[in-house]
């Protein structure tokens, strides 16, 4: 009986995971993808995205030091190693202006404008 229950439980779990995969792929496709580079300053320093959609920001750090992409209003922070890249996922936002910066170099600042 235990083996039968385990097999049915495993099969049900596998079906649940399989059912969620297309949804996850669909959600990923709906995200607005933005790219930004960091050379001690963000380039571009202003990003634009539509309101109400998740946002994916690909950050490329071209410096010899690690940096931390952070935004208190977007509630994100991610350390990016020197000469490395990272993806920062941002939840769908209301229209507005959201500041981001490098926590290790707070003079380096930028804005995400959600319209």
PDB file of N, CA and C in Angstrom:
ATOM      1  N   UNK A   1       0.828  -1.193   0.000  1.00  0.00           N
ATOM      2  CA  UNK A   1       0.000   0.000   0.000  1.00  0.00           C
ATOM      3  C   UNK A   1       0.874   1.260   0.000  1.00  0.00           C
ATOM      4  N   UNK A   2       1.950   1.262   0.799  1.00  0.00           N
ATOM      5  CA  UNK A   2       2.827   2.429   0.860  1.00  0.00           C
ATOM      6  C   UNK A   2       3.492   2.700  -0.496  1.00  0.00           C
ATOM      7  N   UNK A   3       3.933   1.598  -1.152  1.00  0.00           N
ATOM      8  CA  UNK A   3       4.580   1.759  -2.457  1.00  0.00           C
ATOM      9  C   UNK A   3       3.600   2.330  -3.463  1.00  0.00           C
ATOM     10  N   UNK A   4       2.358   1.881  -3.444  1.00  0.00           N
ATOM     11  CA  UNK A   4       1.341   2.382  -4.367  1.00  0.00           C
ATOM     12  C   UNK A   4       1.059   3.855  -4.103  1.00  0.00           C
ATOM     13  N   UNK A   5       0.943   4.221  -2.841  1.00  0.00           N
ATOM     14  CA  UNK A   5       0.704   5.615  -2.482  1.00  0.00           C
ATOM     15  C   UNK A   5       1.870   6.490  -2.923  1.00  0.00           C
ATOM     16  N   UNK A   6       3.084   6.021  -2.733  1.00  0.00           N
ATOM     17  CA  UNK A   6       4.269   6.777  -3.112  1.00  0.00           C
ATOM     18  C   UNK A   6       4.316   6.969  -4.619  1.00  0.00           C
ATOM     19  N   UNK A   7       3.991   5.925  -5.374  1.00  0.00           N
ATOM     20  CA  UNK A   7       4.002   6.019  -6.827  1.00  0.00           C
ATOM     21  C   UNK A   7       2.949   7.020  -7.299  1.00  0.00           C
ATOM     22  N   UNK A   8       1.740   6.942  -6.714  1.00  0.00           N
ATOM     23  CA  UNK A   8       0.694   7.893  -7.111  1.00  0.00           C
ATOM     24  C   UNK A   8       1.073   9.320  -6.722  1.00  0.00           C
ATOM     25  N   UNK A   9       1.653   9.483  -5.549  1.00  0.00           N
ATOM     26  CA  UNK A   9       2.079  10.815  -5.107  1.00  0.00           C
ATOM     27  C   UNK A   9       3.145  11.368  -6.031  1.00  0.00           C
ATOM     28  N   UNK A  10       4.109  10.521  -6.415  1.00  0.00           N
ATOM     29  CA  UNK A  10       5.164  10.962  -7.328  1.00  0.00           C
ATOM     30  C   UNK A  10       4.573  11.344  -8.686  1.00  0.00           C
ATOM     31  N   UNK A  11       3.666  10.526  -9.194  1.00  0.00           N
ATOM     32  CA  UNK A  11       3.052  10.810 -10.491  1.00  0.00           C
ATOM     33  C   UNK A  11       2.280  12.121 -10.440  1.00  0.00           C
ATOM     34  N   UNK A  12       1.536  12.355  -9.355  1.00  0.00           N
ATOM     35  CA  UNK A  12       0.789  13.602  -9.211  1.00  0.00           C
ATOM     36  C   UNK A  12       1.741  14.806  -9.166  1.00  0.00           C
ATOM     37  N   UNK A  13       2.821  14.670  -8.421  1.00  0.00           N
ATOM     38  CA  UNK A  13       3.807  15.756  -8.331  1.00  0.00           C
ATOM     39  C   UNK A  13       4.424  16.034  -9.689  1.00  0.00           C
ATOM     40  N   UNK A  14       4.730  14.980 -10.438  1.00  0.00           N
ATOM     41  CA  UNK A  14       5.310  15.158 -11.780  1.00  0.00           C
ATOM     42  C   UNK A  14       4.337  15.875 -12.701  1.00  0.00           C
ATOM     43  N   UNK A  15       3.046  15.537 -12.612  1.00  0.00           N
ATOM     44  CA  UNK A  15       2.037  16.216 -13.430  1.00  0.00           C
ATOM     45  C   UNK A  15       1.936  17.694 -13.053  1.00  0.00           C
ATOM     46  N   UNK A  16       1.999  17.987 -11.769  1.00  0.00           N
ATOM     47  CA  UNK A  16       1.927  19.385 -11.320  1.00  0.00           C
ATOM     48  C   UNK A  16       3.119  20.185 -11.854  1.00  0.00           C
ATOM     49  N   UNK A  17       4.292  19.611 -11.787  1.00  0.00           N
ATOM     50  CA  UNK A  17       5.488  20.301 -12.285  1.00  0.00           C
ATOM     51  C   UNK A  17       5.375  20.496 -13.782  1.00  0.00           C
ATOM     52  N   UNK A  18       4.945  19.457 -14.520  1.00  0.00           N
ATOM     53  CA  UNK A  18       4.799  19.556 -15.974  1.00  0.00           C
ATOM     54  C   UNK A  18       3.778  20.621 -16.344  1.00  0.00           C
ATOM     55  N   UNK A  19       2.702  20.724 -15.581  1.00  0.00           N
ATOM     56  CA  UNK A  19       1.672  21.718 -15.871  1.00  0.00           C
ATOM     57  C   UNK A  19       2.176  23.133 -15.615  1.00  0.00           C
ATOM     58  N   UNK A  20       3.103  23.298 -14.683  1.00  0.00           N
ATOM     59  CA  UNK A  20       3.611  24.631 -14.350  1.00  0.00           C
ATOM     60  C   UNK A  20       4.679  25.108 -15.322  1.00  0.00           C
ATOM     61  N   UNK A  21       5.387  24.217 -15.999  1.00  0.00           N
ATOM     62  CA  UNK A  21       6.476  24.624 -16.881  1.00  0.00           C
ATOM     63  C   UNK A  21       6.027  25.557 -17.991  1.00  0.00           C
ATOM     64  N   UNK A  22       4.957  25.226 -18.749  1.00  0.00           N
ATOM     65  CA  UNK A  22       4.547  26.170 -19.798  1.00  0.00           C
ATOM     66  C   UNK A  22       4.145  27.517 -19.224  1.00  0.00           C
ATOM     67  N   UNK A  23       3.528  27.542 -18.047  1.00  0.00           N
ATOM     68  CA  UNK A  23       3.134  28.795 -17.419  1.00  0.00           C
ATOM     69  C   UNK A  23       4.364  29.620 -17.071  1.00  0.00           C
ATOM     70  N   UNK A  24       5.389  28.971 -16.526  1.00  0.00           N
ATOM     71  CA  UNK A  24       6.611  29.682 -16.188  1.00  0.00           C
ATOM     72  C   UNK A  24       7.262  30.253 -17.434  1.00  0.00           C
ATOM     73  N   UNK A  25       7.299  29.476 -18.507  1.00  0.00           N
ATOM     74  CA  UNK A  25       7.886  29.958 -19.754  1.00  0.00           C
ATOM     75  C   UNK A  25       7.082  31.135 -20.295  1.00  0.00           C
ATOM     76  N   UNK A  26       5.742  31.043 -20.181  1.00  0.00           N
ATOM     77  CA  UNK A  26       4.896  32.145 -20.647  1.00  0.00           C
ATOM     78  C   UNK A  26       5.141  33.399 -19.831  1.00  0.00           C
ATOM     79  N   UNK A  27       5.285  33.253 -18.496  1.00  0.00           N
ATOM     80  CA  UNK A  27       5.565  34.406 -17.655  1.00  0.00           C
ATOM     81  C   UNK A  27       6.905  35.022 -17.997  1.00  0.00           C
ATOM     82  N   UNK A  28       7.914  34.190 -18.253  1.00  0.00           N
ATOM     83  CA  UNK A  28       9.237  34.707 -18.600  1.00  0.00           C
ATOM     84  C   UNK A  28       9.184  35.481 -19.906  1.00  0.00           C
ATOM     85  N   UNK A  29       8.340  35.022 -20.838  1.00  0.00           N
ATOM     86  CA  UNK A  29       8.240  35.710 -22.122  1.00  0.00           C
ATOM     87  C   UNK A  29       7.554  37.063 -21.972  1.00  0.00           C
ATOM     88  N   UNK A  30       6.721  37.210 -20.952  1.00  0.00           N
ATOM     89  CA  UNK A  30       6.000  38.457 -20.777  1.00  0.00           C
ATOM     90  C   UNK A  30       6.851  39.535 -20.128  1.00  0.00           C
ATOM     91  N   UNK A  31       7.970  39.172 -19.541  1.00  0.00           N
ATOM     92  CA  UNK A  31       8.821  40.150 -18.873  1.00  0.00           C
ATOM     93  C   UNK A  31       9.472  41.067 -19.896  1.00  0.00           C
ATOM     94  N   UNK A  32       9.580  42.312 -19.543  1.00  0.00           N
ATOM     95  CA  UNK A  32      10.301  43.272 -20.370  1.00  0.00           C
ATOM     96  C   UNK A  32      11.777  43.122 -20.059  1.00  0.00           C
ATOM     97  N   UNK A  33      12.588  42.876 -21.071  1.00  0.00           N
ATOM     98  CA  UNK A  33      14.021  42.675 -20.870  1.00  0.00           C
ATOM     99  C   UNK A  33      14.779  43.958 -21.177  1.00  0.00           C
ATOM    100  N   UNK A  34      15.594  44.359 -20.240  1.00  0.00           N
ATOM    101  CA  UNK A  34      16.422  45.547 -20.390  1.00  0.00           C
ATOM    102  C   UNK A  34      17.875  45.159 -20.146  1.00  0.00           C
ATOM    103  N   UNK A  35      18.806  45.887 -20.766  1.00  0.00           N
ATOM    104  CA  UNK A  35      20.221  45.610 -20.561  1.00  0.00           C
ATOM    105  C   UNK A  35      20.915  46.894 -20.144  1.00  0.00           C
ATOM    106  N   UNK A  36      21.868  46.729 -19.256  1.00  0.00           N
ATOM    107  CA  UNK A  36      22.618  47.872 -18.766  1.00  0.00           C
ATOM    108  C   UNK A  36      24.048  47.419 -18.500  1.00  0.00           C
ATOM    109  N   UNK A  37      25.001  48.316 -18.758  1.00  0.00           N
ATOM    110  CA  UNK A  37      26.403  48.006 -18.455  1.00  0.00           C
ATOM    111  C   UNK A  37      26.878  48.950 -17.360  1.00  0.00           C
ATOM    112  N   UNK A  38      27.891  48.503 -16.656  1.00  0.00           N
ATOM    113  CA  UNK A  38      28.445  49.300 -15.559  1.00  0.00           C
ATOM    114  C   UNK A  38      29.950  49.417 -15.756  1.00  0.00           C
ATOM    115  N   UNK A  39      30.414  50.681 -15.887  1.00  0.00           N
ATOM    116  CA  UNK A  39      31.842  50.995 -15.998  1.00  0.00           C
ATOM    117  C   UNK A  39      32.214  52.034 -14.947  1.00  0.00           C
ATOM    118  N   UNK A  40      31.652  51.929 -13.756  1.00  0.00           N
ATOM    119  CA  UNK A  40      31.795  52.962 -12.749  1.00  0.00           C
ATOM    120  C   UNK A  40      30.606  53.914 -12.808  1.00  0.00           C
ATOM    121  N   UNK A  41      29.834  53.811 -13.875  1.00  0.00           N
ATOM    122  CA  UNK A  41      28.571  54.522 -14.065  1.00  0.00           C
ATOM    123  C   UNK A  41      27.687  53.606 -14.894  1.00  0.00           C
ATOM    124  N   UNK A  42      26.389  53.776 -14.753  1.00  0.00           N
ATOM    125  CA  UNK A  42      25.467  52.938 -15.515  1.00  0.00           C
ATOM    126  C   UNK A  42      25.275  53.510 -16.909  1.00  0.00           C
ATOM    127  N   UNK A  43      25.242  52.627 -17.878  1.00  0.00           N
ATOM    128  CA  UNK A  43      25.038  53.025 -19.267  1.00  0.00           C
ATOM    129  C   UNK A  43      23.987  52.137 -19.900  1.00  0.00           C
ATOM    130  N   UNK A  44      22.833  52.590 -20.250  1.00  0.00           N
ATOM    131  CA  UNK A  44      22.339  53.949 -20.052  1.00  0.00           C
ATOM    132  C   UNK A  44      21.976  54.176 -18.579  1.00  0.00           C
ATOM    133  N   UNK A  45      21.890  55.431 -18.208  1.00  0.00           N
ATOM    134  CA  UNK A  45      21.563  55.751 -16.818  1.00  0.00           C
ATOM    135  C   UNK A  45      20.053  55.810 -16.594  1.00  0.00           C
ATOM    136  N   UNK A  46      19.307  55.759 -17.676  1.00  0.00           N
ATOM    137  CA  UNK A  46      17.850  55.744 -17.544  1.00  0.00           C
ATOM    138  C   UNK A  46      17.275  54.617 -18.396  1.00  0.00           C
ATOM    139  N   UNK A  47      16.481  53.786 -17.759  1.00  0.00           N
ATOM    140  CA  UNK A  47      15.818  52.676 -18.435  1.00  0.00           C
ATOM    141  C   UNK A  47      14.325  52.959 -18.454  1.00  0.00           C
ATOM    142  N   UNK A  48      13.635  52.410 -19.447  1.00  0.00           N
ATOM    143  CA  UNK A  48      12.183  52.591 -19.536  1.00  0.00           C
ATOM    144  C   UNK A  48      11.506  51.237 -19.712  1.00  0.00           C
ATOM    145  N   UNK A  49      10.360  51.089 -19.046  1.00  0.00           N
ATOM    146  CA  UNK A  49       9.611  49.839 -19.123  1.00  0.00           C
ATOM    147  C   UNK A  49       8.128  50.147 -18.967  1.00  0.00           C
ATOM    148  N   UNK A  50       7.280  49.272 -19.506  1.00  0.00           N
ATOM    149  CA  UNK A  50       5.838  49.493 -19.353  1.00  0.00           C
ATOM    150  C   UNK A  50       5.365  49.117 -17.951  1.00  0.00           C
ATOM    151  N   UNK A  51       4.335  49.785 -17.487  1.00  0.00           N
ATOM    152  CA  UNK A  51       3.753  49.492 -16.169  1.00  0.00           C
ATOM    153  C   UNK A  51       3.003  48.166 -16.223  1.00  0.00           C
ATOM    154  N   UNK A  52       2.971  47.496 -15.091  1.00  0.00           N
ATOM    155  CA  UNK A  52       2.167  46.297 -14.954  1.00  0.00           C
ATOM    156  C   UNK A  52       2.769  45.031 -15.528  1.00  0.00           C
ATOM    157  N   UNK A  53       4.028  45.069 -15.946  1.00  0.00           N
ATOM    158  CA  UNK A  53       4.682  43.871 -16.478  1.00  0.00           C
ATOM    159  C   UNK A  53       5.976  43.633 -15.704  1.00  0.00           C
ATOM    160  N   UNK A  54       6.318  42.360 -15.450  1.00  0.00           N
ATOM    161  CA  UNK A  54       7.602  42.095 -14.797  1.00  0.00           C
ATOM    162  C   UNK A  54       8.753  42.555 -15.686  1.00  0.00           C
ATOM    163  N   UNK A  55       9.861  42.850 -15.055  1.00  0.00           N
ATOM    164  CA  UNK A  55      11.024  43.399 -15.755  1.00  0.00           C
ATOM    165  C   UNK A  55      12.246  42.551 -15.427  1.00  0.00           C
ATOM    166  N   UNK A  56      13.018  42.265 -16.445  1.00  0.00           N
ATOM    167  CA  UNK A  56      14.282  41.566 -16.274  1.00  0.00           C
ATOM    168  C   UNK A  56      15.390  42.516 -16.705  1.00  0.00           C
ATOM    169  N   UNK A  57      16.301  42.825 -15.780  1.00  0.00           N
ATOM    170  CA  UNK A  57      17.412  43.720 -16.096  1.00  0.00           C
ATOM    171  C   UNK A  57      18.690  42.885 -16.116  1.00  0.00           C
ATOM    172  N   UNK A  58      19.320  42.813 -17.278  1.00  0.00           N
ATOM    173  CA  UNK A  58      20.603  42.127 -17.408  1.00  0.00           C
ATOM    174  C   UNK A  58      21.695  43.163 -17.196  1.00  0.00           C
ATOM    175  N   UNK A  59      22.503  42.945 -16.160  1.00  0.00           N
ATOM    176  CA  UNK A  59      23.535  43.902 -15.783  1.00  0.00           C
ATOM    177  C   UNK A  59      24.904  43.297 -16.072  1.00  0.00           C
ATOM    178  N   UNK A  60      25.717  44.028 -16.828  1.00  0.00           N
ATOM    179  CA  UNK A  60      27.080  43.576 -17.132  1.00  0.00           C
ATOM    180  C   UNK A  60      28.048  44.525 -16.443  1.00  0.00           C
ATOM    181  N   UNK A  61      28.846  43.969 -15.553  1.00  0.00           N
ATOM    182  CA  UNK A  61      29.830  44.755 -14.810  1.00  0.00           C
ATOM    183  C   UNK A  61      31.171  44.674 -15.539  1.00  0.00           C
ATOM    184  N   UNK A  62      31.609  45.775 -16.134  1.00  0.00           N
ATOM    185  CA  UNK A  62      32.870  45.796 -16.878  1.00  0.00           C
ATOM    186  C   UNK A  62      34.061  46.222 -16.029  1.00  0.00           C
ATOM    187  N   UNK A  63      33.859  46.461 -14.741  1.00  0.00           N
ATOM    188  CA  UNK A  63      34.950  46.948 -13.906  1.00  0.00           C
ATOM    189  C   UNK A  63      35.736  45.788 -13.283  1.00  0.00           C
ATOM    190  N   UNK A  64      36.859  46.137 -12.680  1.00  0.00           N
ATOM    191  CA  UNK A  64      37.708  45.141 -12.018  1.00  0.00           C
ATOM    192  C   UNK A  64      37.265  44.872 -10.585  1.00  0.00           C
ATOM    193  N   UNK A  65      36.192  45.538 -10.151  1.00  0.00           N
ATOM    194  CA  UNK A  65      35.671  45.346  -8.793  1.00  0.00           C
ATOM    195  C   UNK A  65      34.222  44.855  -8.851  1.00  0.00           C
ATOM    196  N   UNK A  66      33.837  44.143  -7.805  1.00  0.00           N
ATOM    197  CA  UNK A  66      32.437  43.744  -7.697  1.00  0.00           C
ATOM    198  C   UNK A  66      31.584  44.993  -7.479  1.00  0.00           C
ATOM    199  N   UNK A  67      30.341  44.915  -7.888  1.00  0.00           N
ATOM    200  CA  UNK A  67      29.406  46.007  -7.638  1.00  0.00           C
ATOM    201  C   UNK A  67      28.098  45.401  -7.146  1.00  0.00           C
ATOM    202  N   UNK A  68      27.289  46.246  -6.495  1.00  0.00           N
ATOM    203  CA  UNK A  68      25.990  45.759  -6.040  1.00  0.00           C
ATOM    204  C   UNK A  68      24.908  46.624  -6.641  1.00  0.00           C
ATOM    205  N   UNK A  69      24.139  46.019  -7.526  1.00  0.00           N
ATOM    206  CA  UNK A  69      22.995  46.706  -8.118  1.00  0.00           C
ATOM    207  C   UNK A  69      21.895  46.706  -7.071  1.00  0.00           C
ATOM    208  N   UNK A  70      21.464  47.890  -6.649  1.00  0.00           N
ATOM    209  CA  UNK A  70      20.481  47.969  -5.585  1.00  0.00           C
ATOM    210  C   UNK A  70      19.454  49.051  -5.850  1.00  0.00           C
ATOM    211  N   UNK A  71      18.233  48.764  -5.440  1.00  0.00           N
ATOM    212  CA  UNK A  71      17.165  49.757  -5.464  1.00  0.00           C
ATOM    213  C   UNK A  71      16.258  49.493  -4.277  1.00  0.00           C
ATOM    214  N   UNK A  72      16.157  50.466  -3.411  1.00  0.00           N
ATOM    215  CA  UNK A  72      15.281  50.307  -2.246  1.00  0.00           C
ATOM    216  C   UNK A  72      13.815  50.348  -2.672  1.00  0.00           C
ATOM    217  N   UNK A  73      13.478  51.193  -3.643  1.00  0.00           N
ATOM    218  CA  UNK A  73      12.080  51.300  -4.063  1.00  0.00           C
ATOM    219  C   UNK A  73      11.624  50.081  -4.868  1.00  0.00           C
ATOM    220  N   UNK A  74      12.548  49.469  -5.599  1.00  0.00           N
ATOM    221  CA  UNK A  74      12.204  48.252  -6.345  1.00  0.00           C
ATOM    222  C   UNK A  74      12.382  47.003  -5.498  1.00  0.00           C
ATOM    223  N   UNK A  75      13.011  47.184  -4.342  1.00  0.00           N
ATOM    224  CA  UNK A  75      13.275  46.086  -3.406  1.00  0.00           C
ATOM    225  C   UNK A  75      14.120  44.980  -4.048  1.00  0.00           C
ATOM    226  N   UNK A  76      15.227  45.394  -4.678  1.00  0.00           N
ATOM    227  CA  UNK A  76      16.155  44.431  -5.270  1.00  0.00           C
ATOM    228  C   UNK A  76      17.572  44.805  -4.881  1.00  0.00           C
ATOM    229  N   UNK A  77      18.412  43.813  -4.768  1.00  0.00           N
ATOM    230  CA  UNK A  77      19.841  44.019  -4.610  1.00  0.00           C
ATOM    231  C   UNK A  77      20.540  42.747  -5.062  1.00  0.00           C
ATOM    232  N   UNK A  78      21.622  42.949  -5.813  1.00  0.00           N
ATOM    233  CA  UNK A  78      22.346  41.793  -6.334  1.00  0.00           C
ATOM    234  C   UNK A  78      23.805  42.184  -6.504  1.00  0.00           C
ATOM    235  N   UNK A  79      24.686  41.370  -5.938  1.00  0.00           N
ATOM    236  CA  UNK A  79      26.124  41.577  -6.107  1.00  0.00           C
ATOM    237  C   UNK A  79      26.540  40.949  -7.424  1.00  0.00           C
ATOM    238  N   UNK A  80      27.300  41.712  -8.194  1.00  0.00           N
ATOM    239  CA  UNK A  80      27.758  41.236  -9.501  1.00  0.00           C
ATOM    240  C   UNK A  80      29.279  41.268  -9.487  1.00  0.00           C
ATOM    241  N   UNK A  81      29.911  40.125  -9.729  1.00  0.00           N
ATOM    242  CA  UNK A  81      31.375  40.082  -9.646  1.00  0.00           C
ATOM    243  C   UNK A  81      32.041  40.912 -10.737  1.00  0.00           C
ATOM    244  N   UNK A  82      33.323  41.197 -10.534  1.00  0.00           N
ATOM    245  CA  UNK A  82      34.067  41.942 -11.551  1.00  0.00           C
ATOM    246  C   UNK A  82      34.029  41.182 -12.863  1.00  0.00           C
ATOM    247  N   UNK A  83      33.871  41.929 -13.938  1.00  0.00           N
ATOM    248  CA  UNK A  83      33.806  41.356 -15.296  1.00  0.00           C
ATOM    249  C   UNK A  83      32.712  40.296 -15.422  1.00  0.00           C
ATOM    250  N   UNK A  84      31.698  40.413 -14.594  1.00  0.00           N
ATOM    251  CA  UNK A  84      30.619  39.420 -14.605  1.00  0.00           C
ATOM    252  C   UNK A  84      29.288  40.007 -15.033  1.00  0.00           C
ATOM    253  N   UNK A  85      28.312  39.121 -15.143  1.00  0.00           N
ATOM    254  CA  UNK A  85      26.971  39.515 -15.518  1.00  0.00           C
ATOM    255  C   UNK A  85      25.972  38.885 -14.557  1.00  0.00           C
ATOM    256  N   UNK A  86      24.823  39.510 -14.443  1.00  0.00           N
ATOM    257  CA  UNK A  86      23.760  38.954 -13.604  1.00  0.00           C
ATOM    258  C   UNK A  86      22.418  39.435 -14.134  1.00  0.00           C
ATOM    259  N   UNK A  87      21.399  38.713 -13.742  1.00  0.00           N
ATOM    260  CA  UNK A  87      20.027  39.080 -14.106  1.00  0.00           C
ATOM    261  C   UNK A  87      19.309  39.487 -12.831  1.00  0.00           C
ATOM    262  N   UNK A  88      18.684  40.642 -12.882  1.00  0.00           N
ATOM    263  CA  UNK A  88      17.904  41.147 -11.750  1.00  0.00           C
ATOM    264  C   UNK A  88      16.439  41.134 -12.169  1.00  0.00           C
ATOM    265  N   UNK A  89      15.650  40.357 -11.457  1.00  0.00           N
ATOM    266  CA  UNK A  89      14.220  40.273 -11.763  1.00  0.00           C
ATOM    267  C   UNK A  89      13.457  41.254 -10.889  1.00  0.00           C
ATOM    268  N   UNK A  90      12.617  42.034 -11.543  1.00  0.00           N
ATOM    269  CA  UNK A  90      11.838  43.060 -10.854  1.00  0.00           C
ATOM    270  C   UNK A  90      10.359  42.746 -11.075  1.00  0.00           C
ATOM    271  N   UNK A  91       9.613  42.787 -10.003  1.00  0.00           N
ATOM    272  CA  UNK A  91       8.171  42.568 -10.114  1.00  0.00           C
ATOM    273  C   UNK A  91       7.528  43.682 -10.936  1.00  0.00           C
ATOM    274  N   UNK A  92       6.334  43.408 -11.442  1.00  0.00           N
ATOM    275  CA  UNK A  92       5.584  44.426 -12.164  1.00  0.00           C
ATOM    276  C   UNK A  92       5.404  45.642 -11.258  1.00  0.00           C
ATOM    277  N   UNK A  93       5.577  46.809 -11.837  1.00  0.00           N
ATOM    278  CA  UNK A  93       5.524  48.048 -11.064  1.00  0.00           C
ATOM    279  C   UNK A  93       4.442  48.980 -11.592  1.00  0.00           C
ATOM    280  N   UNK A  94       3.998  49.861 -10.734  1.00  0.00           N
ATOM    281  CA  UNK A  94       3.104  50.938 -11.150  1.00  0.00           C
ATOM    282  C   UNK A  94       3.940  51.994 -11.846  1.00  0.00           C
ATOM    283  N   UNK A  95       3.296  52.862 -12.602  1.00  0.00           N
ATOM    284  CA  UNK A  95       4.007  53.946 -13.265  1.00  0.00           C
ATOM    285  C   UNK A  95       4.726  54.789 -12.225  1.00  0.00           C
ATOM    286  N   UNK A  96       5.931  55.186 -12.564  1.00  0.00           N
ATOM    287  CA  UNK A  96       6.705  56.008 -11.645  1.00  0.00           C
ATOM    288  C   UNK A  96       8.177  55.966 -11.986  1.00  0.00           C
ATOM    289  N   UNK A  97       8.962  56.633 -11.165  1.00  0.00           N
ATOM    290  CA  UNK A  97      10.402  56.717 -11.370  1.00  0.00           C
ATOM    291  C   UNK A  97      11.057  56.009 -10.186  1.00  0.00           C
ATOM    292  N   UNK A  98      11.896  55.026 -10.477  1.00  0.00           N
ATOM    293  CA  UNK A  98      12.516  54.199  -9.449  1.00  0.00           C
ATOM    294  C   UNK A  98      14.037  54.319  -9.583  1.00  0.00           C
ATOM    295  N   UNK A  99      14.658  54.759  -8.519  1.00  0.00           N
ATOM    296  CA  UNK A  99      16.110  54.954  -8.558  1.00  0.00           C
ATOM    297  C   UNK A  99      16.843  53.649  -8.239  1.00  0.00           C
ATOM    298  N   UNK A 100      17.978  53.439  -8.902  1.00  0.00           N
ATOM    299  CA  UNK A 100      18.872  52.334  -8.562  1.00  0.00           C
ATOM    300  C   UNK A 100      20.287  52.885  -8.469  1.00  0.00           C
ATOM    301  N   UNK A 101      21.166  52.139  -7.805  1.00  0.00           N
ATOM    302  CA  UNK A 101      22.537  52.604  -7.615  1.00  0.00           C
ATOM    303  C   UNK A 101      23.449  51.424  -7.339  1.00  0.00           C
ATOM    304  N   UNK A 102      24.759  51.697  -7.348  1.00  0.00           N
ATOM    305  CA  UNK A 102      25.758  50.710  -6.947  1.00  0.00           C
ATOM    306  C   UNK A 102      26.047  50.978  -5.476  1.00  0.00           C
ATOM    307  N   UNK A 103      25.715  50.034  -4.610  1.00  0.00           N
ATOM    308  CA  UNK A 103      25.907  50.263  -3.177  1.00  0.00           C
ATOM    309  C   UNK A 103      27.378  50.463  -2.822  1.00  0.00           C
ATOM    310  N   UNK A 104      28.284  49.911  -3.613  1.00  0.00           N
ATOM    311  CA  UNK A 104      29.709  50.069  -3.328  1.00  0.00           C
ATOM    312  C   UNK A 104      30.251  51.394  -3.869  1.00  0.00           C
ATOM    313  N   UNK A 105      29.479  52.086  -4.690  1.00  0.00           N
ATOM    314  CA  UNK A 105      29.863  53.375  -5.273  1.00  0.00           C
ATOM    315  C   UNK A 105      28.569  54.169  -5.454  1.00  0.00           C
ATOM    316  N   UNK A 106      28.096  54.773  -4.391  1.00  0.00           N
ATOM    317  CA  UNK A 106      26.772  55.391  -4.430  1.00  0.00           C
ATOM    318  C   UNK A 106      26.678  56.621  -5.330  1.00  0.00           C
ATOM    319  N   UNK A 107      27.812  57.060  -5.882  1.00  0.00           N
ATOM    320  CA  UNK A 107      27.743  58.135  -6.871  1.00  0.00           C
ATOM    321  C   UNK A 107      27.190  57.608  -8.195  1.00  0.00           C
ATOM    322  N   UNK A 108      27.309  56.312  -8.411  1.00  0.00           N
ATOM    323  CA  UNK A 108      26.791  55.695  -9.636  1.00  0.00           C
ATOM    324  C   UNK A 108      25.309  55.421  -9.460  1.00  0.00           C
ATOM    325  N   UNK A 109      24.492  56.222 -10.123  1.00  0.00           N
ATOM    326  CA  UNK A 109      23.044  56.123  -9.955  1.00  0.00           C
ATOM    327  C   UNK A 109      22.350  56.124 -11.309  1.00  0.00           C
ATOM    328  N   UNK A 110      21.158  55.569 -11.313  1.00  0.00           N
ATOM    329  CA  UNK A 110      20.335  55.562 -12.514  1.00  0.00           C
ATOM    330  C   UNK A 110      18.873  55.489 -12.124  1.00  0.00           C
ATOM    331  N   UNK A 111      18.024  55.521 -13.131  1.00  0.00           N
ATOM    332  CA  UNK A 111      16.582  55.484 -12.893  1.00  0.00           C
ATOM    333  C   UNK A 111      15.900  54.521 -13.843  1.00  0.00           C
ATOM    334  N   UNK A 112      14.895  53.869 -13.320  1.00  0.00           N
ATOM    335  CA  UNK A 112      13.984  53.066 -14.132  1.00  0.00           C
ATOM    336  C   UNK A 112      12.677  53.837 -14.180  1.00  0.00           C
ATOM    337  N   UNK A 113      12.286  54.221 -15.386  1.00  0.00           N
ATOM    338  CA  UNK A 113      11.036  54.956 -15.562  1.00  0.00           C
ATOM    339  C   UNK A 113       9.994  53.964 -16.062  1.00  0.00           C
ATOM    340  N   UNK A 114       8.970  53.753 -15.262  1.00  0.00           N
ATOM    341  CA  UNK A 114       7.887  52.840 -15.626  1.00  0.00           C
ATOM    342  C   UNK A 114       6.715  53.706 -16.075  1.00  0.00           C
ATOM    343  N   UNK A 115       6.242  53.435 -17.297  1.00  0.00           N
ATOM    344  CA  UNK A 115       5.175  54.271 -17.894  1.00  0.00           C
ATOM    345  C   UNK A 115       3.930  53.461 -18.187  1.00  0.00           C
TER     346      UNK A 115
END
